[in-house]
Amino acid sequence: MELIFVLVSPARPANVGAVARAMKTQGFAQLRIVDSVAHQDPEAGWVAHGAEELLAEASCFASADLALSDCDFVIATTARRRGCARDYWSPQQTLQQLESKATAIQRVALLFGCEESGLPNTLIDRADLLSCIPLAQPYPSLNLGQAAMVYAYALSPLKTLLSGAGQGRDDLTDSGEWQALKQRVATLQESLLNSEDQKLSEWLHDRLGLVEGRDIRLLHTLLNDIEKALP
């Protein structure tokens, strides 16, 4: 499993440098920048202080779609939205969800939005899992660098999975089966003519993000039976 920190339109070089520093202190190295060159500003390097190579090696993308094209699981870090029926998971709960999918997903994107406006709703809706940091007071909120540090620390146990890729697999699932499951569910929903039911689609998308690796093959078997029974 690979964990990639993805910054969408970051505006302040100091915050990007702080993200790089937080990542390195917890052993993460993959950084992607979307629609921004803030990491190239000297101030970013000053704040990174020892993690300058993460800024130099960061991958740059013109759009979030390009940045996420090779990722099979997406986590959006965001504040809670009123009226949203989806569940929000703390950083610690997010770790548990990822650990349960250790053999089912290969490349995970952890999304952070820009400082002023956060992530756009289109990316939040696309994410397989929504995560937020519980705060005692809604304001002042954490800035980008602080939020990245919280997640880097909370998800640091994943390093054992990152370094042990391909070892200790239980052969229950592979990374392709996770993507195939999402596609099959979407296709089934379309065939049942309920793909326009927004609440159902949102609920399915939310629940699929919580499926544990050991259950993915079972769901594939169930879908096989359902597809055979359909006219």
C-alpha atoms as a PDB file:
ATOM      1  CA  MET A   1       0.000   0.000   0.000  1.00  0.00           C
ATOM      2  CA  GLU A   2       1.215   3.489  -0.896  1.00  0.00           C
ATOM      3  CA  LEU A   3      -0.016   6.654   0.824  1.00  0.00           C
ATOM      4  CA  ILE A   4       0.203   9.850  -1.217  1.00  0.00           C
ATOM      5  CA  PHE A   5      -0.385  13.317   0.220  1.00  0.00           C
ATOM      6  CA  VAL A   6      -2.219  15.411  -2.397  1.00  0.00           C
ATOM      7  CA  LEU A   7      -2.461  19.174  -1.931  1.00  0.00           C
ATOM      8  CA  VAL A   8      -5.143  20.774  -4.089  1.00  0.00           C
ATOM      9  CA  SER A   9      -4.389  24.404  -4.996  1.00  0.00           C
ATOM     10  CA  PRO A  10      -2.329  25.317  -1.914  1.00  0.00           C
ATOM     11  CA  ALA A  11      -1.781  29.071  -1.758  1.00  0.00           C
ATOM     12  CA  ARG A  12       0.845  29.650   0.921  1.00  0.00           C
ATOM     13  CA  PRO A  13       4.408  28.346   0.418  1.00  0.00           C
ATOM     14  CA  ALA A  14       4.971  28.153   4.176  1.00  0.00           C
ATOM     15  CA  ASN A  15       2.066  25.730   4.548  1.00  0.00           C
ATOM     16  CA  VAL A  16       3.375  23.490   1.772  1.00  0.00           C
ATOM     17  CA  GLY A  17       6.778  23.460   3.423  1.00  0.00           C
ATOM     18  CA  ALA A  18       5.137  22.535   6.722  1.00  0.00           C
ATOM     19  CA  VAL A  19       3.337  19.641   5.033  1.00  0.00           C
ATOM     20  CA  ALA A  20       6.628  18.327   3.635  1.00  0.00           C
ATOM     21  CA  ARG A  21       8.258  18.575   7.047  1.00  0.00           C
ATOM     22  CA  ALA A  22       5.334  16.775   8.720  1.00  0.00           C
ATOM     23  CA  MET A  23       5.465  14.017   6.131  1.00  0.00           C
ATOM     24  CA  LYS A  24       9.177  13.420   6.538  1.00  0.00           C
ATOM     25  CA  THR A  25       9.055  13.348  10.333  1.00  0.00           C
ATOM     26  CA  GLN A  26       6.558  10.468  10.107  1.00  0.00           C
ATOM     27  CA  GLY A  27       8.233   8.598   7.258  1.00  0.00           C
ATOM     28  CA  PHE A  28       6.071   9.552   4.273  1.00  0.00           C
ATOM     29  CA  ALA A  29       7.651  10.715   1.030  1.00  0.00           C
ATOM     30  CA  GLN A  30       5.069  10.922  -1.768  1.00  0.00           C
ATOM     31  CA  LEU A  31       3.735  14.435  -2.325  1.00  0.00           C
ATOM     32  CA  ARG A  32       1.566  15.640  -5.192  1.00  0.00           C
ATOM     33  CA  ILE A  33       0.661  19.264  -5.894  1.00  0.00           C
ATOM     34  CA  VAL A  34      -2.407  20.250  -7.920  1.00  0.00           C
ATOM     35  CA  ASP A  35      -2.721  23.593  -9.694  1.00  0.00           C
ATOM     36  CA  SER A  36      -0.046  25.416  -7.714  1.00  0.00           C
ATOM     37  CA  VAL A  37       3.657  26.245  -7.724  1.00  0.00           C
ATOM     38  CA  ALA A  38       3.752  27.313  -4.083  1.00  0.00           C
ATOM     39  CA  HIS A  39       6.219  24.524  -3.301  1.00  0.00           C
ATOM     40  CA  GLN A  40       8.782  26.177  -5.584  1.00  0.00           C
ATOM     41  CA  ASP A  41       8.860  29.358  -3.532  1.00  0.00           C
ATOM     42  CA  PRO A  42      11.998  29.714  -1.333  1.00  0.00           C
ATOM     43  CA  GLU A  43       9.766  30.167   1.724  1.00  0.00           C
ATOM     44  CA  ALA A  44       8.484  26.610   1.316  1.00  0.00           C
ATOM     45  CA  GLY A  45      12.031  25.307   1.519  1.00  0.00           C
ATOM     46  CA  TRP A  46      12.797  27.395   4.598  1.00  0.00           C
ATOM     47  CA  VAL A  47       9.831  25.956   6.467  1.00  0.00           C
ATOM     48  CA  ALA A  48      10.434  22.412   5.212  1.00  0.00           C
ATOM     49  CA  HIS A  49      13.827  22.528   7.004  1.00  0.00           C
ATOM     50  CA  GLY A  50      15.346  19.150   6.208  1.00  0.00           C
ATOM     51  CA  ALA A  51      12.536  17.943   3.976  1.00  0.00           C
ATOM     52  CA  GLU A  52      13.418  20.077   0.960  1.00  0.00           C
ATOM     53  CA  GLU A  53      13.842  16.964  -1.191  1.00  0.00           C
ATOM     54  CA  LEU A  54      10.132  16.193  -0.840  1.00  0.00           C
ATOM     55  CA  LEU A  55       9.372  19.584  -2.375  1.00  0.00           C
ATOM     56  CA  ALA A  56      11.912  19.082  -5.150  1.00  0.00           C
ATOM     57  CA  GLU A  57      10.570  15.620  -5.954  1.00  0.00           C
ATOM     58  CA  ALA A  58       6.880  16.515  -5.654  1.00  0.00           C
ATOM     59  CA  SER A  59       4.767  15.611  -8.671  1.00  0.00           C
ATOM     60  CA  CYS A  60       2.793  18.484 -10.194  1.00  0.00           C
ATOM     61  CA  PHE A  61      -0.580  18.136 -11.893  1.00  0.00           C
ATOM     62  CA  ALA A  62      -2.834  20.597 -13.679  1.00  0.00           C
ATOM     63  CA  SER A  63      -5.994  19.003 -12.270  1.00  0.00           C
ATOM     64  CA  ALA A  64      -7.088  16.752  -9.447  1.00  0.00           C
ATOM     65  CA  ASP A  65      -8.405  14.229 -11.962  1.00  0.00           C
ATOM     66  CA  LEU A  66      -4.889  13.748 -13.302  1.00  0.00           C
ATOM     67  CA  ALA A  67      -3.395  13.572  -9.832  1.00  0.00           C
ATOM     68  CA  LEU A  68      -5.851  10.848  -8.794  1.00  0.00           C
ATOM     69  CA  SER A  69      -5.933   8.869 -12.037  1.00  0.00           C
ATOM     70  CA  ASP A  70      -3.718   6.062 -10.711  1.00  0.00           C
ATOM     71  CA  CYS A  71      -5.126   6.003  -7.159  1.00  0.00           C
ATOM     72  CA  ASP A  72      -7.657   3.306  -6.277  1.00  0.00           C
ATOM     73  CA  PHE A  73      -8.763   4.738  -2.919  1.00  0.00           C
ATOM     74  CA  VAL A  74      -9.308   8.425  -2.151  1.00  0.00           C
ATOM     75  CA  ILE A  75      -9.669  10.031   1.286  1.00  0.00           C
ATOM     76  CA  ALA A  76     -10.886  13.618   1.484  1.00  0.00           C
ATOM     77  CA  THR A  77      -9.969  15.623   4.570  1.00  0.00           C
ATOM     78  CA  THR A  78     -12.694  18.175   5.154  1.00  0.00           C
ATOM     79  CA  ALA A  79     -14.944  19.859   7.671  1.00  0.00           C
ATOM     80  CA  ARG A  80     -18.387  18.395   8.154  1.00  0.00           C
ATOM     81  CA  ARG A  81     -21.006  19.556   5.672  1.00  0.00           C
ATOM     82  CA  ARG A  82     -24.525  20.266   6.835  1.00  0.00           C
ATOM     83  CA  GLY A  83     -27.066  18.049   5.184  1.00  0.00           C
ATOM     84  CA  CYS A  84     -24.463  15.503   4.060  1.00  0.00           C
ATOM     85  CA  ALA A  85     -25.618  11.958   4.823  1.00  0.00           C
ATOM     86  CA  ARG A  86     -22.154  10.454   4.552  1.00  0.00           C
ATOM     87  CA  ASP A  87     -20.086   9.484   7.580  1.00  0.00           C
ATOM     88  CA  TYR A  88     -16.958  11.341   8.637  1.00  0.00           C
ATOM     89  CA  TRP A  89     -14.057   9.458  10.198  1.00  0.00           C
ATOM     90  CA  SER A  90     -11.369  10.723  12.536  1.00  0.00           C
ATOM     91  CA  PRO A  91      -7.702  10.227  11.580  1.00  0.00           C
ATOM     92  CA  GLN A  92      -7.508   7.252  13.966  1.00  0.00           C
ATOM     93  CA  GLN A  93     -10.629   5.676  12.468  1.00  0.00           C
ATOM     94  CA  THR A  94      -9.243   6.332   9.003  1.00  0.00           C
ATOM     95  CA  LEU A  95      -6.158   4.331   9.962  1.00  0.00           C
ATOM     96  CA  GLN A  96      -8.365   1.410  10.992  1.00  0.00           C
ATOM     97  CA  GLN A  97     -10.218   1.535   7.679  1.00  0.00           C
ATOM     98  CA  LEU A  98      -6.969   1.462   5.712  1.00  0.00           C
ATOM     99  CA  GLU A  99      -5.525  -1.362   7.786  1.00  0.00           C
ATOM    100  CA  SER A 100      -8.651  -3.432   7.113  1.00  0.00           C
ATOM    101  CA  LYS A 101      -8.031  -3.028   3.370  1.00  0.00           C
ATOM    102  CA  ALA A 102      -4.302  -3.746   3.437  1.00  0.00           C
ATOM    103  CA  THR A 103      -4.490  -6.402   0.725  1.00  0.00           C
ATOM    104  CA  ALA A 104      -7.318  -4.821  -1.244  1.00  0.00           C
ATOM    105  CA  ILE A 105      -5.974  -1.397  -2.202  1.00  0.00           C
ATOM    106  CA  GLN A 106      -2.611  -0.414  -3.567  1.00  0.00           C
ATOM    107  CA  ARG A 107      -2.404   3.366  -3.889  1.00  0.00           C
ATOM    108  CA  VAL A 108      -4.220   5.703  -1.468  1.00  0.00           C
ATOM    109  CA  ALA A 109      -4.595   9.458  -1.979  1.00  0.00           C
ATOM    110  CA  LEU A 110      -5.020  11.698   1.064  1.00  0.00           C
ATOM    111  CA  LEU A 111      -6.539  14.971  -0.166  1.00  0.00           C
ATOM    112  CA  PHE A 112      -6.097  18.386   1.416  1.00  0.00           C
ATOM    113  CA  GLY A 113      -7.826  21.486   0.044  1.00  0.00           C
ATOM    114  CA  CYS A 114      -6.584  25.033  -0.268  1.00  0.00           C
ATOM    115  CA  GLU A 115      -6.336  27.166   2.822  1.00  0.00           C
ATOM    116  CA  GLU A 116      -9.182  29.554   2.001  1.00  0.00           C
ATOM    117  CA  SER A 117     -11.919  27.309   0.653  1.00  0.00           C
ATOM    118  CA  GLY A 118     -10.935  23.702   1.289  1.00  0.00           C
ATOM    119  CA  LEU A 119     -11.785  20.972  -1.180  1.00  0.00           C
ATOM    120  CA  PRO A 120     -14.456  21.524  -3.851  1.00  0.00           C
ATOM    121  CA  ASN A 121     -17.640  19.511  -3.448  1.00  0.00           C
ATOM    122  CA  THR A 122     -16.863  17.527  -6.588  1.00  0.00           C
ATOM    123  CA  LEU A 123     -13.767  16.033  -4.946  1.00  0.00           C
ATOM    124  CA  ILE A 124     -15.557  15.434  -1.661  1.00  0.00           C
ATOM    125  CA  ASP A 125     -18.306  13.566  -3.500  1.00  0.00           C
ATOM    126  CA  ARG A 126     -15.725  11.535  -5.401  1.00  0.00           C
ATOM    127  CA  ALA A 127     -13.818  10.426  -2.290  1.00  0.00           C
ATOM    128  CA  ASP A 128     -14.231   6.865  -1.005  1.00  0.00           C
ATOM    129  CA  LEU A 129     -13.881   8.061   2.585  1.00  0.00           C
ATOM    130  CA  LEU A 130     -14.414  11.415   4.297  1.00  0.00           C
ATOM    131  CA  SER A 131     -12.222  12.317   7.247  1.00  0.00           C
ATOM    132  CA  CYS A 132     -12.185  15.242   9.637  1.00  0.00           C
ATOM    133  CA  ILE A 133     -10.211  16.184  12.743  1.00  0.00           C
ATOM    134  CA  PRO A 134     -12.460  16.501  15.815  1.00  0.00           C
ATOM    135  CA  LEU A 135     -11.987  19.969  17.326  1.00  0.00           C
ATOM    136  CA  ALA A 136     -13.031  21.266  20.730  1.00  0.00           C
ATOM    137  CA  GLN A 137     -13.712  24.668  19.161  1.00  0.00           C
ATOM    138  CA  PRO A 138     -14.693  25.231  15.511  1.00  0.00           C
ATOM    139  CA  TYR A 139     -12.548  28.369  15.383  1.00  0.00           C
ATOM    140  CA  PRO A 140      -9.691  28.913  15.083  1.00  0.00           C
ATOM    141  CA  SER A 141      -9.367  25.856  12.872  1.00  0.00           C
ATOM    142  CA  LEU A 142      -6.138  24.043  12.061  1.00  0.00           C
ATOM    143  CA  ASN A 143      -4.141  25.343   9.129  1.00  0.00           C
ATOM    144  CA  LEU A 144      -2.931  23.112   6.309  1.00  0.00           C
ATOM    145  CA  GLY A 145       0.445  22.308   7.859  1.00  0.00           C
ATOM    146  CA  GLN A 146      -1.078  21.466  11.245  1.00  0.00           C
ATOM    147  CA  ALA A 147      -3.751  19.248   9.703  1.00  0.00           C
ATOM    148  CA  ALA A 148      -1.136  17.374   7.672  1.00  0.00           C
ATOM    149  CA  MET A 149       0.906  16.800  10.836  1.00  0.00           C
ATOM    150  CA  VAL A 150      -2.108  15.314  12.619  1.00  0.00           C
ATOM    151  CA  TYR A 151      -2.769  12.908   9.754  1.00  0.00           C
ATOM    152  CA  ALA A 152       0.899  12.031   9.251  1.00  0.00           C
ATOM    153  CA  TYR A 153       1.179  11.101  12.927  1.00  0.00           C
ATOM    154  CA  ALA A 154      -2.142   9.234  13.085  1.00  0.00           C
ATOM    155  CA  LEU A 155      -1.407   7.241   9.922  1.00  0.00           C
ATOM    156  CA  SER A 156       2.266   6.568  10.698  1.00  0.00           C
ATOM    157  CA  PRO A 157       1.537   2.912  11.664  1.00  0.00           C
ATOM    158  CA  LEU A 158       0.868   2.366   7.957  1.00  0.00           C
ATOM    159  CA  LYS A 159       4.624   2.476   7.433  1.00  0.00           C
ATOM    160  CA  THR A 160       4.789  -1.208   8.311  1.00  0.00           C
ATOM    161  CA  LEU A 161       2.381  -1.882   5.438  1.00  0.00           C
ATOM    162  CA  LEU A 162       4.267   0.451   3.119  1.00  0.00           C
ATOM    163  CA  SER A 163       7.589  -1.234   3.807  1.00  0.00           C
ATOM    164  CA  GLY A 164       6.094  -4.717   3.741  1.00  0.00           C
ATOM    165  CA  ALA A 165       4.304  -4.475   0.410  1.00  0.00           C
ATOM    166  CA  GLY A 166       3.598  -7.923  -0.950  1.00  0.00           C
ATOM    167  CA  GLN A 167       4.573  -9.629   2.319  1.00  0.00           C
ATOM    168  CA  GLY A 168       2.158 -11.435   4.580  1.00  0.00           C
ATOM    169  CA  ARG A 169      -0.690 -11.231   2.085  1.00  0.00           C
ATOM    170  CA  ASP A 170      -3.589 -13.537   2.814  1.00  0.00           C
ATOM    171  CA  ASP A 171      -4.508 -13.873  -0.886  1.00  0.00           C
ATOM    172  CA  LEU A 172      -8.119 -12.987  -0.116  1.00  0.00           C
ATOM    173  CA  THR A 173      -8.068  -9.968  -2.391  1.00  0.00           C
ATOM    174  CA  ASP A 174      -5.871  -7.920  -4.658  1.00  0.00           C
ATOM    175  CA  SER A 175      -5.906  -4.258  -5.563  1.00  0.00           C
ATOM    176  CA  GLY A 176      -7.743  -4.896  -8.831  1.00  0.00           C
ATOM    177  CA  GLU A 177     -10.690  -6.482  -7.061  1.00  0.00           C
ATOM    178  CA  TRP A 178     -11.443  -3.289  -5.124  1.00  0.00           C
ATOM    179  CA  GLN A 179     -11.724  -1.181  -8.282  1.00  0.00           C
ATOM    180  CA  ALA A 180     -13.693  -3.942  -9.986  1.00  0.00           C
ATOM    181  CA  LEU A 181     -16.163  -4.051  -7.099  1.00  0.00           C
ATOM    182  CA  LYS A 182     -16.911  -0.330  -7.349  1.00  0.00           C
ATOM    183  CA  GLN A 183     -17.415  -0.629 -11.085  1.00  0.00           C
ATOM    184  CA  ARG A 184     -19.688  -3.646 -10.783  1.00  0.00           C
ATOM    185  CA  VAL A 185     -21.869  -1.941  -8.176  1.00  0.00           C
ATOM    186  CA  ALA A 186     -22.196   1.136 -10.390  1.00  0.00           C
ATOM    187  CA  THR A 187     -23.099  -1.025 -13.389  1.00  0.00           C
ATOM    188  CA  LEU A 188     -25.678  -2.963 -11.373  1.00  0.00           C
ATOM    189  CA  GLN A 189     -27.246   0.258 -10.150  1.00  0.00           C
ATOM    190  CA  GLU A 190     -27.559   1.501 -13.727  1.00  0.00           C
ATOM    191  CA  SER A 191     -29.120  -1.771 -14.855  1.00  0.00           C
ATOM    192  CA  LEU A 192     -31.711  -1.448 -12.095  1.00  0.00           C
ATOM    193  CA  LEU A 193     -32.553   2.034 -13.346  1.00  0.00           C
ATOM    194  CA  ASN A 194     -31.867   3.679  -9.995  1.00  0.00           C
ATOM    195  CA  SER A 195     -28.585   5.399 -10.810  1.00  0.00           C
ATOM    196  CA  GLU A 196     -30.372   8.757 -10.628  1.00  0.00           C
ATOM    197  CA  ASP A 197     -31.403   8.175  -7.018  1.00  0.00           C
ATOM    198  CA  GLN A 198     -28.910  10.574  -5.453  1.00  0.00           C
ATOM    199  CA  LYS A 199     -29.421   9.489  -1.861  1.00  0.00           C
ATOM    200  CA  LEU A 200     -29.033   5.817  -2.749  1.00  0.00           C
ATOM    201  CA  SER A 201     -25.935   6.532  -4.811  1.00  0.00           C
ATOM    202  CA  GLU A 202     -24.435   8.543  -1.964  1.00  0.00           C
ATOM    203  CA  TRP A 203     -25.224   5.815   0.534  1.00  0.00           C
ATOM    204  CA  LEU A 204     -23.723   3.077  -1.654  1.00  0.00           C
ATOM    205  CA  HIS A 205     -20.592   5.129  -2.283  1.00  0.00           C
ATOM    206  CA  ASP A 206     -20.204   5.775   1.423  1.00  0.00           C
ATOM    207  CA  ARG A 207     -20.757   2.137   2.461  1.00  0.00           C
ATOM    208  CA  LEU A 208     -18.388   0.740  -0.169  1.00  0.00           C
ATOM    209  CA  GLY A 209     -15.602   2.808   1.326  1.00  0.00           C
ATOM    210  CA  LEU A 210     -16.016   0.853   4.576  1.00  0.00           C
ATOM    211  CA  VAL A 211     -15.846  -2.650   3.117  1.00  0.00           C
ATOM    212  CA  GLU A 212     -12.994  -4.632   4.629  1.00  0.00           C
ATOM    213  CA  GLY A 213     -10.557  -6.452   2.412  1.00  0.00           C
ATOM    214  CA  ARG A 214     -11.717  -9.889   3.543  1.00  0.00           C
ATOM    215  CA  ASP A 215     -15.291  -9.108   2.432  1.00  0.00           C
ATOM    216  CA  ILE A 216     -14.533  -7.896  -1.090  1.00  0.00           C
ATOM    217  CA  ARG A 217     -14.359 -11.357  -2.623  1.00  0.00           C
ATOM    218  CA  LEU A 218     -17.568 -12.324  -0.828  1.00  0.00           C
ATOM    219  CA  LEU A 219     -19.316  -9.322  -2.383  1.00  0.00           C
ATOM    220  CA  HIS A 220     -18.011 -10.305  -5.809  1.00  0.00           C
ATOM    221  CA  THR A 221     -19.580 -13.741  -5.319  1.00  0.00           C
ATOM    222  CA  LEU A 222     -22.866 -12.152  -4.279  1.00  0.00           C
ATOM    223  CA  LEU A 223     -22.804  -9.880  -7.327  1.00  0.00           C
ATOM    224  CA  ASN A 224     -22.217 -12.898  -9.556  1.00  0.00           C
ATOM    225  CA  ASP A 225     -25.425 -14.477  -8.230  1.00  0.00           C
ATOM    226  CA  ILE A 226     -27.391 -11.227  -8.603  1.00  0.00           C
ATOM    227  CA  GLU A 227     -26.195 -10.691 -12.174  1.00  0.00           C
ATOM    228  CA  LYS A 228     -27.134 -14.241 -13.133  1.00  0.00           C
ATOM    229  CA  ALA A 229     -30.617 -13.769 -11.682  1.00  0.00           C
ATOM    230  CA  LEU A 230     -31.269 -10.548 -13.615  1.00  0.00           C
ATOM    231  CA  PRO A 231     -33.031 -10.863 -16.979  1.00  0.00           C
END
